[in-house]
Amino acid sequence: MSLEHQPTPDGSMQDIDKLIHEPARLLLMAHLYVVESADFTYLMRQTDLTWGNLSSHMSKLEEAKYIEVIKEFKGKRPNTMLKLTKRGRKAFRQYRQQMLDVLENLPE
């Protein structure tokens, strides 16, 4: 999927990043956009997603190289941290701008 999507002159959504546009992934990306990183449990609580649902969306974003997943231990407990990659930040900024363009071009 190219990060070079540009909105069409009529402000249509045909080139919108469908990976980010899915509501749960949009929520996840928005939360990660405003922090350096966040742990899995925190994101689960903030997004109201189940463990399995968050894990599934996390995997799709990781495959696209939009997020980095860091698995480590805190003491003897496993801890999973998520953070946006540079590619993910760029994709989210672009998505945000495209959505603003679409909304701005709506007829009144």
N, C-alpha and C. Protein backbone atom coordinates (compact mmCIF):
# COMPACT_ATOMS: atom_id res chain seq x y z
N MET A 1 0.84 -1.17 0.00
CA MET A 1 0.00 0.00 0.00
C MET A 1 0.89 1.24 0.00
N SER A 2 0.73 2.11 -0.92
CA SER A 2 1.57 3.29 -1.05
C SER A 2 1.18 4.35 -0.05
N LEU A 3 2.19 5.01 0.50
CA LEU A 3 1.93 6.13 1.39
C LEU A 3 1.76 7.42 0.62
N GLU A 4 1.84 7.36 -0.68
CA GLU A 4 1.80 8.56 -1.50
C GLU A 4 0.40 8.87 -2.00
N HIS A 5 -0.64 8.36 -1.33
CA HIS A 5 -2.01 8.66 -1.73
C HIS A 5 -2.25 10.16 -1.64
N GLN A 6 -2.89 10.70 -2.63
CA GLN A 6 -3.27 12.11 -2.62
C GLN A 6 -4.77 12.17 -2.80
N PRO A 7 -5.43 13.09 -2.08
CA PRO A 7 -6.87 13.19 -2.26
C PRO A 7 -7.19 13.65 -3.69
N THR A 8 -8.26 13.15 -4.20
CA THR A 8 -8.67 13.58 -5.52
C THR A 8 -9.22 15.00 -5.41
N PRO A 9 -9.22 15.75 -6.53
CA PRO A 9 -9.68 17.14 -6.48
C PRO A 9 -11.10 17.30 -5.93
N ASP A 10 -11.94 16.29 -6.13
CA ASP A 10 -13.31 16.41 -5.64
C ASP A 10 -13.44 16.02 -4.17
N GLY A 11 -12.29 15.69 -3.50
CA GLY A 11 -12.33 15.35 -2.09
C GLY A 11 -12.94 13.99 -1.81
N SER A 12 -12.97 13.10 -2.79
CA SER A 12 -13.55 11.78 -2.56
C SER A 12 -12.63 10.94 -1.69
N MET A 13 -13.14 9.84 -1.24
CA MET A 13 -12.39 8.98 -0.33
C MET A 13 -11.79 7.78 -1.04
N GLN A 14 -11.74 7.77 -2.34
CA GLN A 14 -11.27 6.58 -3.04
C GLN A 14 -9.82 6.23 -2.72
N ASP A 15 -8.99 7.20 -2.36
CA ASP A 15 -7.59 6.92 -2.08
C ASP A 15 -7.28 6.87 -0.58
N ILE A 16 -8.30 6.88 0.25
CA ILE A 16 -8.08 6.86 1.70
C ILE A 16 -7.44 5.53 2.10
N ASP A 17 -6.57 5.56 3.09
CA ASP A 17 -5.90 4.36 3.58
C ASP A 17 -6.91 3.50 4.34
N LYS A 18 -7.38 2.44 3.69
CA LYS A 18 -8.42 1.59 4.27
C LYS A 18 -7.94 0.85 5.52
N LEU A 19 -6.64 0.61 5.61
CA LEU A 19 -6.08 -0.06 6.78
C LEU A 19 -6.30 0.80 8.03
N ILE A 20 -6.05 2.08 7.91
CA ILE A 20 -6.25 2.99 9.05
C ILE A 20 -7.72 3.32 9.24
N HIS A 21 -8.48 3.38 8.17
CA HIS A 21 -9.87 3.84 8.22
C HIS A 21 -10.79 2.92 9.03
N GLU A 22 -10.43 1.67 9.20
CA GLU A 22 -11.24 0.75 9.99
C GLU A 22 -11.30 1.31 11.42
N PRO A 23 -12.50 1.44 12.01
CA PRO A 23 -12.65 2.16 13.28
C PRO A 23 -11.72 1.73 14.42
N ALA A 24 -11.56 0.45 14.65
CA ALA A 24 -10.70 0.01 15.76
C ALA A 24 -9.24 0.37 15.49
N ARG A 25 -8.79 0.22 14.25
CA ARG A 25 -7.40 0.56 13.93
C ARG A 25 -7.19 2.07 13.96
N LEU A 26 -8.20 2.83 13.54
CA LEU A 26 -8.12 4.29 13.62
C LEU A 26 -7.97 4.73 15.08
N LEU A 27 -8.74 4.14 15.95
CA LEU A 27 -8.67 4.44 17.37
C LEU A 27 -7.28 4.09 17.93
N LEU A 28 -6.79 2.94 17.57
CA LEU A 28 -5.47 2.50 18.02
C LEU A 28 -4.38 3.45 17.51
N MET A 29 -4.42 3.78 16.23
CA MET A 29 -3.43 4.69 15.64
C MET A 29 -3.52 6.08 16.30
N ALA A 30 -4.72 6.57 16.55
CA ALA A 30 -4.88 7.88 17.16
C ALA A 30 -4.29 7.90 18.57
N HIS A 31 -4.50 6.86 19.33
CA HIS A 31 -3.92 6.78 20.68
C HIS A 31 -2.40 6.75 20.61
N LEU A 32 -1.86 5.98 19.69
CA LEU A 32 -0.41 5.87 19.58
C LEU A 32 0.23 7.13 18.99
N TYR A 33 -0.53 7.90 18.23
CA TYR A 33 0.01 9.09 17.59
C TYR A 33 0.41 10.15 18.63
N VAL A 34 -0.29 10.20 19.74
CA VAL A 34 -0.05 11.26 20.73
C VAL A 34 0.90 10.86 21.86
N VAL A 35 1.43 9.65 21.80
CA VAL A 35 2.38 9.20 22.82
C VAL A 35 3.60 8.59 22.14
N GLU A 36 4.68 8.47 22.89
CA GLU A 36 5.87 7.82 22.32
C GLU A 36 5.63 6.33 22.17
N SER A 37 5.01 5.72 23.19
CA SER A 37 4.66 4.31 23.15
C SER A 37 3.61 4.05 24.23
N ALA A 38 2.97 2.89 24.15
CA ALA A 38 1.95 2.53 25.13
C ALA A 38 1.93 1.02 25.28
N ASP A 39 1.63 0.56 26.48
CA ASP A 39 1.59 -0.89 26.64
C ASP A 39 0.21 -1.45 26.28
N PHE A 40 0.22 -2.73 26.00
CA PHE A 40 -0.96 -3.43 25.48
C PHE A 40 -2.16 -3.26 26.42
N THR A 41 -1.94 -3.43 27.72
CA THR A 41 -3.04 -3.35 28.69
C THR A 41 -3.64 -1.96 28.71
N TYR A 42 -2.80 -0.93 28.67
CA TYR A 42 -3.28 0.44 28.64
C TYR A 42 -4.15 0.66 27.39
N LEU A 43 -3.68 0.21 26.23
CA LEU A 43 -4.45 0.38 24.99
C LEU A 43 -5.75 -0.40 25.03
N MET A 44 -5.73 -1.56 25.64
CA MET A 44 -6.95 -2.33 25.76
C MET A 44 -8.00 -1.55 26.56
N ARG A 45 -7.56 -0.95 27.66
CA ARG A 45 -8.48 -0.16 28.50
C ARG A 45 -8.95 1.11 27.79
N GLN A 46 -8.06 1.79 27.10
CA GLN A 46 -8.40 3.04 26.44
C GLN A 46 -9.33 2.86 25.24
N THR A 47 -9.16 1.75 24.53
CA THR A 47 -9.94 1.53 23.32
C THR A 47 -11.18 0.68 23.54
N ASP A 48 -11.27 0.02 24.68
CA ASP A 48 -12.39 -0.89 24.98
C ASP A 48 -12.40 -2.11 24.06
N LEU A 49 -11.26 -2.43 23.47
CA LEU A 49 -11.16 -3.63 22.63
C LEU A 49 -10.81 -4.82 23.50
N THR A 50 -11.26 -6.00 23.09
CA THR A 50 -10.89 -7.21 23.81
C THR A 50 -9.44 -7.55 23.50
N TRP A 51 -8.88 -8.46 24.28
CA TRP A 51 -7.50 -8.88 24.06
C TRP A 51 -7.32 -9.39 22.63
N GLY A 52 -8.21 -10.27 22.20
CA GLY A 52 -8.10 -10.87 20.87
C GLY A 52 -8.29 -9.86 19.75
N ASN A 53 -9.25 -8.95 19.93
CA ASN A 53 -9.52 -7.94 18.91
C ASN A 53 -8.33 -6.99 18.78
N LEU A 54 -7.82 -6.52 19.90
CA LEU A 54 -6.66 -5.62 19.87
C LEU A 54 -5.46 -6.33 19.25
N SER A 55 -5.26 -7.57 19.62
CA SER A 55 -4.14 -8.35 19.09
C SER A 55 -4.25 -8.50 17.57
N SER A 56 -5.43 -8.75 17.08
CA SER A 56 -5.66 -8.91 15.65
C SER A 56 -5.36 -7.61 14.88
N HIS A 57 -5.87 -6.50 15.38
CA HIS A 57 -5.63 -5.21 14.72
C HIS A 57 -4.16 -4.81 14.83
N MET A 58 -3.56 -5.11 15.97
CA MET A 58 -2.15 -4.84 16.17
C MET A 58 -1.31 -5.58 15.13
N SER A 59 -1.64 -6.83 14.88
CA SER A 59 -0.91 -7.63 13.90
C SER A 59 -1.01 -7.04 12.49
N LYS A 60 -2.19 -6.57 12.11
CA LYS A 60 -2.37 -5.97 10.78
C LYS A 60 -1.54 -4.69 10.63
N LEU A 61 -1.53 -3.88 11.68
CA LEU A 61 -0.74 -2.65 11.64
C LEU A 61 0.75 -2.94 11.66
N GLU A 62 1.14 -3.99 12.36
CA GLU A 62 2.55 -4.38 12.39
C GLU A 62 2.98 -4.91 11.03
N GLU A 63 2.15 -5.70 10.37
CA GLU A 63 2.45 -6.22 9.03
C GLU A 63 2.67 -5.08 8.03
N ALA A 64 1.91 -4.01 8.18
CA ALA A 64 2.03 -2.85 7.30
C ALA A 64 3.21 -1.95 7.70
N LYS A 65 3.87 -2.34 8.78
CA LYS A 65 5.00 -1.56 9.32
C LYS A 65 4.56 -0.18 9.80
N TYR A 66 3.32 -0.09 10.27
CA TYR A 66 2.80 1.15 10.84
C TYR A 66 3.11 1.22 12.33
N ILE A 67 3.21 0.06 12.98
CA ILE A 67 3.57 0.04 14.40
C ILE A 67 4.71 -0.94 14.63
N GLU A 68 5.41 -0.71 15.71
CA GLU A 68 6.45 -1.63 16.18
C GLU A 68 5.95 -2.23 17.48
N VAL A 69 6.10 -3.53 17.62
CA VAL A 69 5.69 -4.24 18.82
C VAL A 69 6.96 -4.68 19.55
N ILE A 70 7.09 -4.25 20.80
CA ILE A 70 8.27 -4.56 21.60
C ILE A 70 7.82 -5.42 22.76
N LYS A 71 8.32 -6.66 22.77
CA LYS A 71 7.97 -7.59 23.86
C LYS A 71 9.17 -7.67 24.80
N GLU A 72 8.89 -7.44 26.07
CA GLU A 72 9.94 -7.46 27.08
C GLU A 72 9.36 -7.97 28.39
N PHE A 73 10.18 -8.02 29.39
CA PHE A 73 9.72 -8.43 30.72
C PHE A 73 9.92 -7.28 31.68
N LYS A 74 8.95 -7.09 32.56
CA LYS A 74 9.06 -6.18 33.69
C LYS A 74 9.11 -7.08 34.91
N GLY A 75 10.31 -7.26 35.43
CA GLY A 75 10.47 -8.26 36.47
C GLY A 75 10.29 -9.62 35.83
N LYS A 76 9.34 -10.38 36.32
CA LYS A 76 9.07 -11.70 35.74
C LYS A 76 7.81 -11.71 34.87
N ARG A 77 7.23 -10.54 34.69
CA ARG A 77 5.97 -10.45 33.93
C ARG A 77 6.24 -9.97 32.51
N PRO A 78 5.61 -10.63 31.52
CA PRO A 78 5.76 -10.17 30.14
C PRO A 78 5.03 -8.84 29.94
N ASN A 79 5.59 -8.00 29.10
CA ASN A 79 5.00 -6.70 28.82
C ASN A 79 5.15 -6.43 27.32
N THR A 80 4.05 -6.05 26.68
CA THR A 80 4.06 -5.74 25.25
C THR A 80 3.84 -4.25 25.07
N MET A 81 4.81 -3.61 24.43
CA MET A 81 4.73 -2.18 24.16
C MET A 81 4.49 -1.97 22.66
N LEU A 82 3.70 -0.97 22.32
CA LEU A 82 3.43 -0.64 20.93
C LEU A 82 3.82 0.81 20.69
N LYS A 83 4.37 1.07 19.51
CA LYS A 83 4.68 2.45 19.14
C LYS A 83 4.55 2.60 17.64
N LEU A 84 4.19 3.79 17.21
CA LEU A 84 4.12 4.06 15.78
C LEU A 84 5.53 4.13 15.21
N THR A 85 5.69 3.61 14.03
CA THR A 85 6.95 3.75 13.30
C THR A 85 6.91 5.10 12.57
N LYS A 86 8.01 5.50 11.98
CA LYS A 86 8.01 6.72 11.16
C LYS A 86 6.99 6.59 10.03
N ARG A 87 6.97 5.40 9.44
CA ARG A 87 6.01 5.13 8.36
C ARG A 87 4.57 5.27 8.87
N GLY A 88 4.31 4.76 10.07
CA GLY A 88 2.98 4.84 10.66
C GLY A 88 2.57 6.27 10.97
N ARG A 89 3.51 7.06 11.48
CA ARG A 89 3.24 8.47 11.76
C ARG A 89 2.91 9.22 10.47
N LYS A 90 3.71 8.94 9.44
CA LYS A 90 3.48 9.60 8.15
C LYS A 90 2.11 9.20 7.59
N ALA A 91 1.79 7.91 7.65
CA ALA A 91 0.51 7.42 7.14
C ALA A 91 -0.65 8.04 7.91
N PHE A 92 -0.51 8.17 9.23
CA PHE A 92 -1.59 8.75 10.03
C PHE A 92 -1.76 10.23 9.72
N ARG A 93 -0.67 10.97 9.59
CA ARG A 93 -0.75 12.39 9.24
C ARG A 93 -1.44 12.56 7.89
N GLN A 94 -1.06 11.71 6.95
CA GLN A 94 -1.64 11.78 5.61
C GLN A 94 -3.13 11.44 5.65
N TYR A 95 -3.49 10.39 6.40
CA TYR A 95 -4.89 9.99 6.55
C TYR A 95 -5.69 11.16 7.14
N ARG A 96 -5.15 11.76 8.20
CA ARG A 96 -5.81 12.88 8.87
C ARG A 96 -6.06 14.02 7.88
N GLN A 97 -5.05 14.35 7.10
CA GLN A 97 -5.19 15.44 6.13
C GLN A 97 -6.23 15.10 5.07
N GLN A 98 -6.22 13.86 4.60
CA GLN A 98 -7.20 13.46 3.59
C GLN A 98 -8.62 13.55 4.15
N MET A 99 -8.80 13.13 5.39
CA MET A 99 -10.14 13.21 5.99
C MET A 99 -10.56 14.68 6.15
N LEU A 100 -9.64 15.54 6.55
CA LEU A 100 -9.96 16.96 6.65
C LEU A 100 -10.36 17.51 5.28
N ASP A 101 -9.63 17.11 4.24
CA ASP A 101 -9.95 17.55 2.88
C ASP A 101 -11.33 17.07 2.45
N VAL A 102 -11.64 15.82 2.75
CA VAL A 102 -12.96 15.26 2.41
C VAL A 102 -14.06 16.06 3.11
N LEU A 103 -13.88 16.30 4.39
CA LEU A 103 -14.91 17.02 5.17
C LEU A 103 -15.03 18.48 4.71
N GLU A 104 -13.91 19.07 4.37
CA GLU A 104 -13.94 20.45 3.91
C GLU A 104 -14.66 20.60 2.57
N ASN A 105 -14.61 19.58 1.75
CA ASN A 105 -15.23 19.63 0.42
C ASN A 105 -16.68 19.15 0.38
N LEU A 106 -17.25 18.85 1.54
CA LEU A 106 -18.66 18.45 1.56
C LEU A 106 -19.53 19.65 1.21
N PRO A 107 -20.54 19.43 0.41
CA PRO A 107 -21.45 20.54 0.10
C PRO A 107 -22.23 20.93 1.36
N GLU A 108 -22.51 22.20 1.45
CA GLU A 108 -23.25 22.69 2.64
C GLU A 108 -24.74 22.69 2.41
